[in-house]
Amino acid sequence: MRSGESSRAYFKGAFYLGLPGNRTSAKGWLLPSRDPQRALLSNRDPALRAGARIKGMSDALRIAGRDFSSRLFVGTGKYRSFQEMARCHAASGAEVVTVAVRRVNLTDKSKESLLDYIDRSRMFILPNTAACYTAEEAIRTARLGREVGLSNWVKLEVIGDQKTLFPDNQGLLEATRVLAAEGFVVLPYTNDDLVNARKLIDAGAAAVMPLAAPIGSGLGIQNATNLRILRETITEVPLIVDAGVGTASDAAIAMELGFDGILMNTAIAEAEDAEKMAEAMKLAVQAGRLAFLAGRMPKKLYASASSPLAGVVR
């Protein structure tokens, strides 16, 4: 360590390594970019990061003017029973639950519905357009969800390929534009394409939800570089990882990258003990968020003693 400089100051640029816009001091030390967007990945200055907690302020996730204390969103599919689903929702601490409009009983009150097992006093229902393969289908499904009283929010899915369930970017953009113009709060499920994410925001998306791996695959974060680029560049709306998380460590990694939240379903529903996994995911999201705000130590090539040598008796 050079004389007169603190270790904190010396390592402040650790997360800027390799990012465009970096600069160096006259002494050759790495310094952060002056551009706040370029500074996004600095965990030493949370006030400059989108959605980061400033001391003395709430760390709530805000989407379209609505605050959520939990950054974990959960689903309703693939559970062994509605009762198990309800227990998992409670264990997860989630406040947002997504419901496939086309797969739920919305009209026949004499039949059991998964909606009967959602605590609507505690959880906010986010309708989704799962199984829609065209913009027209997705738009019609979103309108149906609003008409039956679910919400004017929508997790927008327009699927382009039946095997991979990758999104149809063109259809997604078209549906986002139409629904946003009709007053919907649109949260589109998309790939990790920065250019397309920008177009979705311009079309009126209230958040962008890129995949980390194919839906239901449980592969974990397969595209960390692209996700980092998205997080560095997009600051005007929340970014929520949607699809691919398989276990708690995957959730923690996504949050450590600086994402504002995670939406998951299969990772919890298909776990051997779904209720325990729901609680694990809650804790992982919290831990990952705290780690992001705290700012990890820099990675070093060689060992560094935990105890300083100064003052050691020889």
Protein backbone atom coordinates (compact mmCIF):
# COMPACT_ATOMS: atom_id res chain seq x y z
CA MET A 1 0.00 0.00 0.00
CA ARG A 2 1.34 3.41 -0.92
CA SER A 3 1.91 5.90 1.83
CA GLY A 4 -0.92 8.31 2.56
CA GLU A 5 -3.62 6.30 0.84
CA SER A 6 -6.18 4.04 2.53
CA SER A 7 -6.82 0.50 1.38
CA ARG A 8 -10.42 1.48 0.62
CA ALA A 9 -9.31 4.24 -1.75
CA TYR A 10 -6.69 2.02 -3.35
CA PHE A 11 -9.13 -0.74 -4.20
CA LYS A 12 -12.17 1.38 -4.97
CA GLY A 13 -11.89 0.67 -8.67
CA ALA A 14 -11.96 -3.10 -8.35
CA PHE A 15 -15.35 -3.58 -9.97
CA TYR A 16 -14.50 -1.27 -12.85
CA LEU A 17 -11.90 -3.60 -14.32
CA GLY A 18 -12.51 -3.95 -18.02
CA LEU A 19 -15.47 -1.55 -18.15
CA PRO A 20 -15.57 1.13 -20.85
CA GLY A 21 -14.98 4.64 -19.65
CA ASN A 22 -12.45 3.76 -16.95
CA ARG A 23 -9.54 6.07 -16.35
CA THR A 24 -6.29 6.03 -14.41
CA SER A 25 -4.72 8.54 -12.07
CA ALA A 26 -1.41 10.26 -12.69
CA LYS A 27 0.16 7.48 -10.63
CA GLY A 28 -1.39 4.81 -12.80
CA TRP A 29 -4.06 3.69 -10.33
CA LEU A 30 -7.42 2.54 -11.63
CA LEU A 31 -10.16 5.10 -11.05
CA PRO A 32 -13.91 4.90 -11.67
CA SER A 33 -15.51 6.53 -14.65
CA ARG A 34 -17.04 9.97 -14.12
CA ASP A 35 -20.14 8.74 -15.92
CA PRO A 36 -22.68 7.44 -13.33
CA GLN A 37 -23.85 4.74 -15.73
CA ARG A 38 -20.29 3.51 -16.14
CA ALA A 39 -19.93 3.59 -12.37
CA LEU A 40 -22.86 1.27 -11.86
CA LEU A 41 -20.82 -1.79 -10.94
CA SER A 42 -18.85 -0.04 -8.23
CA ASN A 43 -20.00 -1.62 -5.01
CA ARG A 44 -18.17 1.09 -3.07
CA ASP A 45 -20.61 3.83 -4.04
CA PRO A 46 -24.15 2.46 -3.76
CA ALA A 47 -25.72 5.87 -4.29
CA LEU A 48 -24.62 5.71 -7.92
CA ARG A 49 -26.19 2.31 -8.63
CA ALA A 50 -29.74 1.86 -9.85
CA GLY A 51 -32.01 0.88 -7.02
CA ALA A 52 -29.22 0.86 -4.43
CA ARG A 53 -29.96 1.76 -0.86
CA ILE A 54 -28.75 5.13 0.34
CA LYS A 55 -28.00 5.32 4.05
CA GLY A 56 -31.13 6.15 6.01
CA MET A 57 -33.50 5.26 3.17
CA SER A 58 -35.59 2.18 2.42
CA ASP A 59 -34.23 -0.47 0.10
CA ALA A 60 -37.66 -1.24 -1.32
CA LEU A 61 -37.98 -2.33 -4.93
CA ARG A 62 -40.07 0.24 -6.79
CA ILE A 63 -41.85 -0.59 -10.02
CA ALA A 64 -44.25 1.89 -11.63
CA GLY A 65 -44.59 3.77 -8.35
CA ARG A 66 -45.33 0.67 -6.25
CA ASP A 67 -42.91 -0.47 -3.54
CA PHE A 68 -42.12 -4.09 -2.64
CA SER A 69 -40.01 -5.04 0.34
CA SER A 70 -39.26 -8.50 -1.06
CA ARG A 71 -37.20 -8.78 -4.24
CA LEU A 72 -38.27 -12.37 -4.85
CA PHE A 73 -41.17 -13.00 -7.22
CA VAL A 74 -42.68 -16.49 -7.32
CA GLY A 75 -44.97 -18.50 -9.58
CA THR A 76 -47.86 -20.92 -9.24
CA GLY A 77 -47.08 -23.79 -11.60
CA LYS A 78 -45.76 -27.34 -11.14
CA TYR A 79 -46.55 -27.69 -7.44
CA ARG A 80 -47.75 -31.04 -6.15
CA SER A 81 -50.83 -29.41 -4.67
CA PHE A 82 -52.36 -25.99 -4.12
CA GLN A 83 -51.74 -26.45 -0.40
CA GLU A 84 -48.03 -26.94 -0.98
CA MET A 85 -48.00 -23.89 -3.21
CA ALA A 86 -49.53 -21.76 -0.47
CA ARG A 87 -47.00 -22.97 2.10
CA CYS A 88 -44.14 -22.20 -0.27
CA HIS A 89 -45.46 -18.72 -0.97
CA ALA A 90 -45.52 -18.03 2.76
CA ALA A 91 -42.02 -19.44 3.29
CA SER A 92 -40.60 -17.40 0.41
CA GLY A 93 -41.68 -14.08 1.87
CA ALA A 94 -42.55 -12.99 -1.66
CA GLU A 95 -45.08 -10.23 -2.23
CA VAL A 96 -45.57 -10.81 -5.95
CA VAL A 97 -46.96 -14.02 -7.44
CA THR A 98 -47.33 -14.53 -11.17
CA VAL A 99 -50.38 -16.36 -12.52
CA ALA A 100 -50.82 -17.69 -16.06
CA VAL A 101 -54.10 -16.19 -17.24
CA ARG A 102 -54.70 -18.94 -19.82
CA ARG A 103 -54.13 -21.75 -17.33
CA VAL A 104 -56.34 -20.69 -14.45
CA ASN A 105 -60.06 -20.98 -13.86
CA LEU A 106 -61.34 -17.42 -13.97
CA THR A 107 -65.07 -17.87 -14.44
CA ASP A 108 -66.49 -21.06 -12.89
CA LYS A 109 -66.71 -20.27 -9.18
CA SER A 110 -67.98 -23.77 -8.40
CA LYS A 111 -64.60 -25.29 -9.25
CA GLU A 112 -61.41 -25.11 -7.24
CA SER A 113 -58.91 -22.55 -8.47
CA LEU A 114 -55.33 -21.79 -7.53
CA LEU A 115 -56.52 -18.24 -6.90
CA ASP A 116 -58.31 -19.60 -3.83
CA TYR A 117 -54.91 -20.45 -2.35
CA ILE A 118 -53.25 -17.07 -2.85
CA ASP A 119 -53.36 -14.71 0.11
CA ARG A 120 -54.35 -11.58 -1.78
CA SER A 121 -54.16 -9.48 1.38
CA ARG A 122 -50.41 -10.12 1.37
CA MET A 123 -49.51 -10.97 -2.20
CA PHE A 124 -49.85 -8.95 -5.38
CA ILE A 125 -51.03 -10.96 -8.39
CA LEU A 126 -49.03 -10.44 -11.55
CA PRO A 127 -50.90 -12.02 -14.49
CA ASN A 128 -48.71 -13.47 -17.21
CA THR A 129 -49.27 -14.38 -20.84
CA ALA A 130 -47.60 -17.79 -20.75
CA ALA A 131 -48.28 -20.04 -23.77
CA CYS A 132 -48.85 -17.08 -26.09
CA TYR A 133 -46.96 -17.37 -29.38
CA THR A 134 -48.07 -14.17 -31.09
CA ALA A 135 -48.39 -10.56 -30.07
CA GLU A 136 -52.13 -10.75 -30.74
CA GLU A 137 -52.55 -13.70 -28.35
CA ALA A 138 -50.55 -11.97 -25.64
CA ILE A 139 -52.46 -8.71 -25.97
CA ARG A 140 -55.80 -10.51 -25.83
CA THR A 141 -54.70 -12.52 -22.78
CA ALA A 142 -53.48 -9.43 -20.92
CA ARG A 143 -56.79 -7.72 -21.58
CA LEU A 144 -58.64 -10.77 -20.26
CA GLY A 145 -56.64 -10.73 -17.05
CA ARG A 146 -57.56 -7.10 -16.51
CA GLU A 147 -61.21 -7.61 -17.38
CA VAL A 148 -61.68 -10.38 -14.79
CA GLY A 149 -60.12 -8.20 -12.11
CA LEU A 150 -56.67 -9.72 -11.73
CA SER A 151 -54.57 -6.63 -12.46
CA ASN A 152 -53.58 -4.07 -15.06
CA TRP A 153 -50.03 -5.31 -14.56
CA VAL A 154 -48.76 -8.05 -16.85
CA LYS A 155 -45.68 -10.22 -17.09
CA LEU A 156 -45.58 -10.26 -20.86
CA GLU A 157 -44.47 -13.40 -22.65
CA VAL A 158 -44.49 -13.85 -26.40
CA ILE A 159 -42.78 -17.15 -27.11
CA GLY A 160 -40.95 -17.60 -30.37
CA ASP A 161 -39.78 -21.22 -30.16
CA GLN A 162 -41.67 -24.12 -28.61
CA LYS A 163 -38.60 -26.19 -27.69
CA THR A 164 -36.42 -23.52 -26.08
CA LEU A 165 -39.25 -21.15 -25.05
CA PHE A 166 -37.05 -18.27 -26.12
CA PRO A 167 -38.98 -15.03 -26.66
CA ASP A 168 -40.07 -13.61 -30.00
CA ASN A 169 -38.42 -10.20 -29.82
CA GLN A 170 -40.47 -8.61 -32.57
CA GLY A 171 -43.77 -9.83 -31.16
CA LEU A 172 -42.74 -8.88 -27.63
CA LEU A 173 -41.93 -5.35 -28.72
CA GLU A 174 -45.21 -4.99 -30.58
CA ALA A 175 -47.27 -6.26 -27.63
CA THR A 176 -45.37 -4.04 -25.18
CA ARG A 177 -46.08 -0.96 -27.25
CA VAL A 178 -49.81 -1.71 -27.53
CA LEU A 179 -50.36 -2.67 -23.89
CA ALA A 180 -48.34 0.22 -22.48
CA ALA A 181 -50.42 2.61 -24.58
CA GLU A 182 -53.55 1.04 -23.04
CA GLY A 183 -52.36 1.75 -19.51
CA PHE A 184 -50.88 -1.63 -18.61
CA VAL A 185 -47.79 -1.89 -16.42
CA VAL A 186 -45.75 -4.15 -18.69
CA LEU A 187 -42.93 -6.38 -17.44
CA PRO A 188 -41.65 -8.24 -20.52
CA TYR A 189 -39.79 -11.55 -20.34
CA THR A 190 -36.95 -11.23 -22.82
CA ASN A 191 -33.52 -12.53 -23.68
CA ASP A 192 -30.25 -10.87 -22.63
CA ASP A 193 -30.08 -8.62 -25.69
CA LEU A 194 -29.21 -5.06 -24.67
CA VAL A 195 -30.49 -3.55 -27.92
CA ASN A 196 -33.86 -5.23 -27.58
CA ALA A 197 -34.07 -4.27 -23.91
CA ARG A 198 -33.61 -0.63 -24.90
CA LYS A 199 -36.38 -0.93 -27.47
CA LEU A 200 -38.72 -2.42 -24.85
CA ILE A 201 -38.06 0.48 -22.50
CA ASP A 202 -38.72 2.96 -25.31
CA ALA A 203 -41.98 1.09 -26.00
CA GLY A 204 -43.10 1.64 -22.40
CA ALA A 205 -41.88 -1.34 -20.38
CA ALA A 206 -41.91 -0.65 -16.62
CA ALA A 207 -39.18 -3.24 -16.04
CA VAL A 208 -37.13 -5.63 -18.13
CA MET A 209 -36.92 -9.33 -17.24
CA PRO A 210 -34.03 -11.09 -19.01
CA LEU A 211 -33.50 -14.83 -18.77
CA ALA A 212 -30.43 -16.31 -17.12
CA ALA A 213 -30.95 -19.70 -18.80
CA PRO A 214 -33.86 -21.42 -20.56
CA ILE A 215 -37.18 -21.47 -18.68
CA GLY A 216 -37.41 -24.33 -16.20
CA SER A 217 -33.88 -25.59 -16.95
CA GLY A 218 -32.40 -24.91 -13.52
CA LEU A 219 -29.01 -24.36 -15.17
CA GLY A 220 -28.22 -21.25 -13.15
CA ILE A 221 -26.60 -18.09 -14.48
CA GLN A 222 -25.30 -19.03 -17.92
CA ASN A 223 -24.83 -15.51 -19.29
CA ALA A 224 -23.18 -13.49 -16.52
CA THR A 225 -21.30 -11.24 -18.94
CA ASN A 226 -24.42 -10.20 -20.83
CA LEU A 227 -26.31 -9.69 -17.60
CA ARG A 228 -23.52 -7.46 -16.29
CA ILE A 229 -23.66 -5.41 -19.47
CA LEU A 230 -27.42 -5.01 -19.06
CA ARG A 231 -27.01 -4.01 -15.43
CA GLU A 232 -24.27 -1.51 -16.19
CA THR A 233 -26.18 0.12 -19.02
CA ILE A 234 -29.84 0.10 -17.97
CA THR A 235 -30.64 2.27 -14.98
CA GLU A 236 -34.00 3.83 -15.76
CA VAL A 237 -36.15 0.77 -15.00
CA PRO A 238 -35.67 -2.25 -12.72
CA LEU A 239 -34.02 -5.38 -14.07
CA ILE A 240 -35.40 -8.70 -12.86
CA VAL A 241 -33.81 -12.05 -13.69
CA ASP A 242 -36.52 -14.34 -15.02
CA ALA A 243 -35.85 -18.02 -15.79
CA GLY A 244 -32.94 -20.37 -15.22
CA VAL A 245 -32.36 -20.19 -11.46
CA GLY A 246 -32.01 -23.69 -10.01
CA THR A 247 -30.86 -23.29 -6.42
CA ALA A 248 -30.08 -20.68 -3.79
CA SER A 249 -26.53 -19.97 -4.93
CA ASP A 250 -27.86 -19.06 -8.40
CA ALA A 251 -30.20 -16.53 -6.82
CA ALA A 252 -27.41 -15.03 -4.74
CA ILE A 253 -25.17 -14.67 -7.81
CA ALA A 254 -27.91 -12.89 -9.76
CA MET A 255 -28.45 -10.44 -6.92
CA GLU A 256 -24.70 -9.91 -6.46
CA LEU A 257 -24.59 -8.83 -10.11
CA GLY A 258 -26.81 -5.95 -9.07
CA PHE A 259 -30.17 -7.09 -10.38
CA ASP A 260 -33.21 -5.62 -8.70
CA GLY A 261 -35.09 -8.88 -8.25
CA ILE A 262 -35.60 -12.47 -9.36
CA LEU A 263 -38.68 -14.31 -10.59
CA MET A 264 -38.65 -18.08 -10.17
CA ASN A 265 -41.04 -21.00 -10.12
CA THR A 266 -39.60 -24.39 -11.09
CA ALA A 267 -36.59 -24.13 -8.77
CA ILE A 268 -38.96 -24.07 -5.81
CA ALA A 269 -41.83 -26.21 -7.08
CA GLU A 270 -39.64 -29.11 -8.27
CA ALA A 271 -37.28 -29.20 -5.28
CA GLU A 272 -37.49 -32.35 -3.17
CA ASP A 273 -38.63 -30.19 -0.27
CA ALA A 274 -40.27 -27.22 -1.95
CA GLU A 275 -41.04 -25.39 1.27
CA LYS A 276 -37.43 -25.48 2.44
CA MET A 277 -36.23 -24.35 -0.98
CA ALA A 278 -38.65 -21.42 -0.87
CA GLU A 279 -37.12 -20.29 2.39
CA ALA A 280 -33.61 -20.84 1.02
CA MET A 281 -34.43 -18.64 -1.97
CA LYS A 282 -35.72 -15.91 0.30
CA LEU A 283 -32.48 -15.89 2.27
CA ALA A 284 -30.32 -16.12 -0.87
CA VAL A 285 -31.99 -13.10 -2.46
CA GLN A 286 -31.52 -11.13 0.75
CA ALA A 287 -27.88 -12.20 1.08
CA GLY A 288 -27.08 -11.43 -2.55
CA ARG A 289 -28.63 -8.00 -2.27
CA LEU A 290 -26.71 -7.19 0.90
CA ALA A 291 -23.48 -8.40 -0.68
CA PHE A 292 -24.08 -6.17 -3.70
CA LEU A 293 -24.69 -3.15 -1.50
CA ALA A 294 -21.72 -3.96 0.73
CA GLY A 295 -19.23 -4.25 -2.11
CA ARG A 296 -17.07 -7.36 -2.35
CA MET A 297 -13.32 -7.26 -1.83
CA PRO A 298 -11.21 -7.16 -5.00
CA LYS A 299 -9.94 -10.41 -6.44
CA LYS A 300 -6.18 -10.79 -6.13
CA LEU A 301 -3.74 -13.13 -7.82
CA TYR A 302 -1.67 -13.76 -4.71
CA ALA A 303 -2.28 -14.30 -1.01
CA SER A 304 -2.81 -11.36 1.30
CA ALA A 305 -2.42 -11.81 5.05
CA SER A 306 -5.59 -11.18 7.05
CA SER A 307 -3.55 -9.70 9.90
CA PRO A 308 -1.23 -6.76 9.15
CA LEU A 309 2.48 -7.20 9.86
CA ALA A 310 2.85 -3.76 11.43
CA GLY A 311 3.48 -4.01 15.16
CA VAL A 312 4.22 -7.75 15.10
CA VAL A 313 6.64 -8.76 17.86
CA ARG A 314 9.82 -10.12 16.29
